[in-house]
C-alpha atoms as a PDB file:
ATOM      1  CA  MET A   1     -64.801 -48.339 131.657  1.00  0.00           C
ATOM      2  CA  ASP A   2     -62.114 -49.498 129.304  1.00  0.00           C
ATOM      3  CA  LYS A   3     -61.892 -52.721 127.346  1.00  0.00           C
ATOM      4  CA  HIS A   4     -59.223 -55.098 128.603  1.00  0.00           C
ATOM      5  CA  TYR A   5     -59.615 -57.667 125.810  1.00  0.00           C
ATOM      6  CA  PRO A   6     -60.194 -57.381 122.060  1.00  0.00           C
ATOM      7  CA  ASP A   7     -63.600 -59.080 122.297  1.00  0.00           C
ATOM      8  CA  ILE A   8     -65.874 -61.130 124.552  1.00  0.00           C
ATOM      9  CA  PRO A   9     -64.537 -64.539 123.408  1.00  0.00           C
ATOM     10  CA  ALA A  10     -61.018 -63.417 124.388  1.00  0.00           C
ATOM     11  CA  LEU A  11     -62.313 -62.169 127.743  1.00  0.00           C
ATOM     12  CA  LEU A  12     -64.083 -65.474 128.374  1.00  0.00           C
ATOM     13  CA  SER A  13     -61.022 -67.490 127.386  1.00  0.00           C
ATOM     14  CA  ALA A  14     -58.861 -65.522 129.819  1.00  0.00           C
ATOM     15  CA  CYS A  15     -61.238 -65.163 132.768  1.00  0.00           C
ATOM     16  CA  LEU A  16     -63.832 -67.940 132.611  1.00  0.00           C
ATOM     17  CA  MET A  17     -65.395 -68.703 135.997  1.00  0.00           C
ATOM     18  CA  ARG A  18     -66.410 -72.353 135.867  1.00  0.00           C
ATOM     19  CA  ASP A  19     -67.317 -72.934 139.516  1.00  0.00           C
ATOM     20  CA  GLU A  20     -70.502 -71.583 141.075  1.00  0.00           C
ATOM     21  CA  TYR A  21     -70.342 -69.240 144.043  1.00  0.00           C
ATOM     22  CA  PRO A  22     -70.219 -71.373 147.234  1.00  0.00           C
ATOM     23  CA  ASP A  23     -73.339 -69.701 148.654  1.00  0.00           C
ATOM     24  CA  THR A  24     -75.320 -70.127 145.404  1.00  0.00           C
ATOM     25  CA  ALA A  25     -74.488 -73.761 144.601  1.00  0.00           C
ATOM     26  CA  PRO A  26     -76.700 -75.176 147.413  1.00  0.00           C
ATOM     27  CA  LEU A  27     -79.638 -73.026 146.281  1.00  0.00           C
ATOM     28  CA  ILE A  28     -79.298 -74.282 142.714  1.00  0.00           C
ATOM     29  CA  ALA A  29     -79.083 -77.861 143.999  1.00  0.00           C
ATOM     30  CA  SER A  30     -82.209 -77.376 146.123  1.00  0.00           C
ATOM     31  CA  LEU A  31     -84.123 -76.279 143.005  1.00  0.00           C
ATOM     32  CA  ALA A  32     -83.055 -79.174 140.756  1.00  0.00           C
ATOM     33  CA  HIS A  33     -86.514 -80.772 141.067  1.00  0.00           C
ATOM     34  CA  VAL A  34     -88.346 -77.741 139.651  1.00  0.00           C
ATOM     35  CA  ARG A  35     -87.772 -78.575 135.980  1.00  0.00           C
ATOM     36  CA  THR A  36     -89.044 -82.114 136.607  1.00  0.00           C
ATOM     37  CA  ILE A  37     -92.233 -81.128 138.407  1.00  0.00           C
ATOM     38  CA  GLY A  38     -92.774 -78.103 136.162  1.00  0.00           C
ATOM     39  CA  TYR A  39     -93.318 -75.298 138.680  1.00  0.00           C
ATOM     40  CA  PHE A  40     -91.836 -73.727 141.805  1.00  0.00           C
ATOM     41  CA  THR A  41     -93.480 -72.981 145.126  1.00  0.00           C
ATOM     42  CA  ARG A  42     -94.092 -69.606 146.730  1.00  0.00           C
ATOM     43  CA  ASP A  43     -91.395 -70.290 149.335  1.00  0.00           C
ATOM     44  CA  GLU A  44     -88.909 -71.187 146.587  1.00  0.00           C
ATOM     45  CA  PHE A  45     -89.955 -68.068 144.677  1.00  0.00           C
ATOM     46  CA  LEU A  46     -89.355 -65.821 147.681  1.00  0.00           C
ATOM     47  CA  THR A  47     -85.957 -67.415 148.301  1.00  0.00           C
ATOM     48  CA  MET A  48     -84.916 -66.948 144.663  1.00  0.00           C
ATOM     49  CA  CYS A  49     -86.059 -63.313 144.643  1.00  0.00           C
ATOM     50  CA  ALA A  50     -84.099 -62.583 147.826  1.00  0.00           C
ATOM     51  CA  TRP A  51     -81.021 -64.178 146.236  1.00  0.00           C
ATOM     52  CA  LYS A  52     -81.290 -61.868 143.221  1.00  0.00           C
ATOM     53  CA  GLU A  53     -81.994 -58.754 145.280  1.00  0.00           C
ATOM     54  CA  PRO A  54     -80.484 -59.183 148.755  1.00  0.00           C
ATOM     55  CA  ARG A  55     -81.717 -55.724 149.801  1.00  0.00           C
ATOM     56  CA  GLN A  56     -85.229 -57.016 149.033  1.00  0.00           C
ATOM     57  CA  ARG A  57     -86.641 -53.632 148.006  1.00  0.00           C
ATOM     58  CA  ARG A  58     -89.591 -55.442 146.408  1.00  0.00           C
ATOM     59  CA  ARG A  59     -90.223 -57.832 149.292  1.00  0.00           C
ATOM     60  CA  GLN A  60     -93.808 -56.644 149.828  1.00  0.00           C
ATOM     61  CA  ASP A  61     -94.585 -57.053 146.125  1.00  0.00           C
ATOM     62  CA  TRP A  62     -93.105 -60.558 146.085  1.00  0.00           C
ATOM     63  CA  ALA A  63     -94.981 -61.511 149.244  1.00  0.00           C
ATOM     64  CA  SER A  64     -98.278 -60.358 147.715  1.00  0.00           C
ATOM     65  CA  ASN A  65     -98.113 -63.242 145.222  1.00  0.00           C
ATOM     66  CA  THR A  66    -100.268 -66.120 146.445  1.00  0.00           C
ATOM     67  CA  LYS A  67     -99.249 -69.776 146.391  1.00  0.00           C
ATOM     68  CA  ASP A  68    -101.594 -70.264 143.440  1.00  0.00           C
ATOM     69  CA  ASP A  69    -100.220 -67.208 141.593  1.00  0.00           C
ATOM     70  CA  VAL A  70     -96.698 -68.562 141.854  1.00  0.00           C
ATOM     71  CA  ARG A  71     -97.563 -72.146 141.013  1.00  0.00           C
ATOM     72  CA  ILE A  72     -99.752 -71.272 138.008  1.00  0.00           C
ATOM     73  CA  LEU A  73     -97.460 -68.634 136.488  1.00  0.00           C
ATOM     74  CA  SER A  74     -94.285 -70.632 137.058  1.00  0.00           C
ATOM     75  CA  ALA A  75     -95.929 -73.687 135.479  1.00  0.00           C
ATOM     76  CA  ARG A  76     -97.008 -71.644 132.479  1.00  0.00           C
ATOM     77  CA  ALA A  77     -93.532 -70.149 132.162  1.00  0.00           C
ATOM     78  CA  LEU A  78     -91.746 -73.478 132.321  1.00  0.00           C
ATOM     79  CA  ALA A  79     -94.156 -75.007 129.792  1.00  0.00           C
ATOM     80  CA  ALA A  80     -94.020 -72.034 127.398  1.00  0.00           C
ATOM     81  CA  PRO A  81     -92.979 -72.863 123.827  1.00  0.00           C
ATOM     82  CA  ASP A  82     -90.501 -69.977 123.523  1.00  0.00           C
ATOM     83  CA  GLU A  83     -88.221 -67.785 125.616  1.00  0.00           C
ATOM     84  CA  ALA A  84     -90.251 -64.589 125.170  1.00  0.00           C
ATOM     85  CA  ARG A  85     -93.390 -66.152 126.630  1.00  0.00           C
ATOM     86  CA  ARG A  86     -91.388 -67.861 129.344  1.00  0.00           C
ATOM     87  CA  ILE A  87     -89.954 -64.580 130.636  1.00  0.00           C
ATOM     88  CA  LEU A  88     -93.254 -62.717 130.193  1.00  0.00           C
ATOM     89  CA  TYR A  89     -95.158 -65.243 132.310  1.00  0.00           C
ATOM     90  CA  LEU A  90     -92.632 -64.807 135.099  1.00  0.00           C
ATOM     91  CA  CYS A  91     -92.899 -61.026 134.795  1.00  0.00           C
ATOM     92  CA  ARG A  92     -96.607 -61.328 135.582  1.00  0.00           C
ATOM     93  CA  LEU A  93     -95.624 -62.141 139.161  1.00  0.00           C
ATOM     94  CA  ARG A  94     -95.749 -58.961 141.263  1.00  0.00           C
ATOM     95  CA  GLY A  95     -92.333 -57.436 141.862  1.00  0.00           C
ATOM     96  CA  VAL A  96     -90.707 -59.340 138.995  1.00  0.00           C
ATOM     97  CA  GLY A  97     -89.070 -57.660 136.023  1.00  0.00           C
ATOM     98  CA  ILE A  98     -86.731 -59.073 133.404  1.00  0.00           C
ATOM     99  CA  PRO A  99     -83.646 -59.233 135.713  1.00  0.00           C
ATOM    100  CA  VAL A 100     -85.485 -61.113 138.490  1.00  0.00           C
ATOM    101  CA  ALA A 101     -87.272 -63.367 135.991  1.00  0.00           C
ATOM    102  CA  SER A 102     -83.894 -64.202 134.431  1.00  0.00           C
ATOM    103  CA  ALA A 103     -82.560 -65.051 137.899  1.00  0.00           C
ATOM    104  CA  LEU A 104     -85.466 -67.424 138.506  1.00  0.00           C
ATOM    105  CA  LEU A 105     -84.713 -69.250 135.262  1.00  0.00           C
ATOM    106  CA  THR A 106     -80.982 -69.285 135.988  1.00  0.00           C
ATOM    107  CA  LEU A 107     -81.357 -70.826 139.419  1.00  0.00           C
ATOM    108  CA  ILE A 108     -83.639 -73.507 137.993  1.00  0.00           C
ATOM    109  CA  ASP A 109     -81.552 -74.259 134.890  1.00  0.00           C
ATOM    110  CA  PRO A 110     -78.047 -72.729 134.997  1.00  0.00           C
ATOM    111  CA  ALA A 111     -76.897 -74.783 132.021  1.00  0.00           C
ATOM    112  CA  ARG A 112     -79.235 -72.822 129.730  1.00  0.00           C
ATOM    113  CA  TYR A 113     -79.702 -69.473 131.495  1.00  0.00           C
ATOM    114  CA  GLY A 114     -77.771 -66.589 132.970  1.00  0.00           C
ATOM    115  CA  VAL A 115     -78.978 -63.550 134.866  1.00  0.00           C
ATOM    116  CA  ILE A 116     -79.324 -60.355 132.860  1.00  0.00           C
ATOM    117  CA  ASP A 117     -78.677 -57.100 134.652  1.00  0.00           C
ATOM    118  CA  ILE A 118     -77.161 -53.698 134.092  1.00  0.00           C
ATOM    119  CA  ARG A 119     -73.576 -54.948 134.534  1.00  0.00           C
ATOM    120  CA  VAL A 120     -73.657 -57.661 131.890  1.00  0.00           C
ATOM    121  CA  TRP A 121     -75.583 -55.443 129.476  1.00  0.00           C
ATOM    122  CA  GLN A 122     -73.106 -52.561 129.879  1.00  0.00           C
ATOM    123  CA  LEU A 123     -70.238 -54.969 129.246  1.00  0.00           C
ATOM    124  CA  LEU A 124     -71.875 -56.254 126.048  1.00  0.00           C
ATOM    125  CA  ALA A 125     -72.281 -52.638 124.911  1.00  0.00           C
ATOM    126  CA  LEU A 126     -68.660 -51.814 125.767  1.00  0.00           C
ATOM    127  CA  TYR A 127     -67.477 -54.684 123.578  1.00  0.00           C
ATOM    128  CA  GLY A 128     -69.837 -53.792 120.721  1.00  0.00           C
ATOM    129  CA  GLU A 129     -71.987 -56.894 121.109  1.00  0.00           C
ATOM    130  CA  VAL A 130     -75.135 -54.773 121.398  1.00  0.00           C
ATOM    131  CA  ASP A 131     -75.754 -51.414 119.784  1.00  0.00           C
ATOM    132  CA  TYR A 132     -78.796 -50.171 121.677  1.00  0.00           C
ATOM    133  CA  ASP A 133     -79.449 -49.069 125.266  1.00  0.00           C
ATOM    134  CA  PRO A 134     -75.759 -49.134 126.227  1.00  0.00           C
ATOM    135  CA  ASP A 135     -76.464 -48.036 129.800  1.00  0.00           C
ATOM    136  CA  GLY A 136     -78.740 -51.036 130.448  1.00  0.00           C
ATOM    137  CA  ARG A 137     -81.097 -49.106 132.712  1.00  0.00           C
ATOM    138  CA  GLY A 138     -84.304 -50.573 131.318  1.00  0.00           C
ATOM    139  CA  LEU A 139     -84.129 -54.204 130.240  1.00  0.00           C
ATOM    140  CA  TYR A 140     -86.976 -55.607 128.182  1.00  0.00           C
ATOM    141  CA  VAL A 141     -87.811 -58.824 126.345  1.00  0.00           C
ATOM    142  CA  LEU A 142     -85.742 -57.807 123.304  1.00  0.00           C
ATOM    143  CA  HIS A 143     -82.692 -57.337 125.530  1.00  0.00           C
ATOM    144  CA  TRP A 144     -83.331 -60.742 127.099  1.00  0.00           C
ATOM    145  CA  LEU A 145     -83.618 -62.561 123.780  1.00  0.00           C
ATOM    146  CA  ASP A 146     -80.462 -60.944 122.369  1.00  0.00           C
ATOM    147  CA  TYR A 147     -78.562 -61.609 125.572  1.00  0.00           C
ATOM    148  CA  LEU A 148     -79.682 -65.217 125.794  1.00  0.00           C
ATOM    149  CA  ASP A 149     -78.616 -65.920 122.200  1.00  0.00           C
ATOM    150  CA  LYS A 150     -75.189 -64.464 122.879  1.00  0.00           C
ATOM    151  CA  ILE A 151     -74.427 -66.205 126.154  1.00  0.00           C
ATOM    152  CA  ARG A 152     -75.715 -69.525 124.881  1.00  0.00           C
ATOM    153  CA  GLY A 153     -73.536 -69.220 121.792  1.00  0.00           C
ATOM    154  CA  TRP A 154     -70.423 -68.549 123.846  1.00  0.00           C
ATOM    155  CA  ALA A 155     -71.358 -71.304 126.309  1.00  0.00           C
ATOM    156  CA  ASP A 156     -71.697 -73.787 123.442  1.00  0.00           C
ATOM    157  CA  GLU A 157     -68.323 -72.785 122.001  1.00  0.00           C
ATOM    158  CA  LEU A 158     -66.595 -73.131 125.369  1.00  0.00           C
ATOM    159  CA  LYS A 159     -68.554 -76.227 126.462  1.00  0.00           C
ATOM    160  CA  VAL A 160     -69.688 -74.536 129.688  1.00  0.00           C
ATOM    161  CA  SER A 161     -72.988 -73.413 131.170  1.00  0.00           C
ATOM    162  CA  ALA A 162     -74.685 -70.172 130.239  1.00  0.00           C
ATOM    163  CA  ARG A 163     -74.385 -69.307 133.940  1.00  0.00           C
ATOM    164  CA  ALA A 164     -70.586 -69.609 133.764  1.00  0.00           C
ATOM    165  CA  VAL A 165     -70.530 -67.131 130.883  1.00  0.00           C
ATOM    166  CA  GLU A 166     -72.874 -64.742 132.701  1.00  0.00           C
ATOM    167  CA  ARG A 167     -70.895 -64.907 135.952  1.00  0.00           C
ATOM    168  CA  THR A 168     -67.680 -64.185 134.107  1.00  0.00           C
ATOM    169  CA  LEU A 169     -69.179 -61.146 132.383  1.00  0.00           C
ATOM    170  CA  PHE A 170     -70.702 -59.889 135.636  1.00  0.00           C
ATOM    171  CA  GLN A 171     -67.444 -60.284 137.558  1.00  0.00           C
ATOM    172  CA  HIS A 172     -65.384 -58.669 134.817  1.00  0.00           C
ATOM    173  CA  HIS A 173     -67.666 -55.630 134.854  1.00  0.00           C
ATOM    174  CA  ARG A 174     -67.223 -55.365 138.626  1.00  0.00           C
ATOM    175  CA  ASP A 175     -63.462 -55.629 138.205  1.00  0.00           C
ATOM    176  CA  ILE A 176     -63.196 -52.848 135.610  1.00  0.00           C
ATOM    177  CA  GLN A 177     -65.989 -50.528 136.766  1.00  0.00           C
ATOM    178  CA  SER A 178     -64.899 -47.073 137.783  1.00  0.00           C
ATOM    179  CA  GLY A 179     -67.410 -44.706 139.281  1.00  0.00           C
ATOM    180  CA  PRO A 180     -71.094 -45.351 139.908  1.00  0.00           C
ATOM    181  CA  LEU A 181     -72.998 -48.109 138.148  1.00  0.00           C
ATOM    182  CA  TYR A 182     -75.520 -45.612 136.785  1.00  0.00           C
ATOM    183  CA  SER A 183     -73.372 -42.908 135.278  1.00  0.00           C
END
């Protein structure tokens, strides 16, 4: 992959994707109540997981979470006093790692969150925004916290959602990727 811009702010200024994907916008709208009530249901959880991973390789793991598991852990996550605990509570749900947990938060609150995955992490490494784990194969809480700080900072500067920043980074990686994702 080659850089097409001098830095991430230049990339965002040139390519910013402000509108949500047409198939994702209704899902986000259907979850608007979650922040108010303070938890999500098992059915909502399964829908959000399938959105993040359409191939649903972890479907059996997700389905093994009970209604109570999902309600209790999502309530704890949404009430957590900091981002590390928030993501760690969600990761206690079976079949959920940092990328899926970040997707759950993003779908519930796209103004403040964006999905972290290998594509966005590799792009941050390409542009020198992160100097560890450039391949993004294993994403942990430290990655999440660094990523969240960065996308929120750019979102604040541009007066857009963190999701808009994340989507732009994700799409740009797809546009410039040559060869396999895991090279």
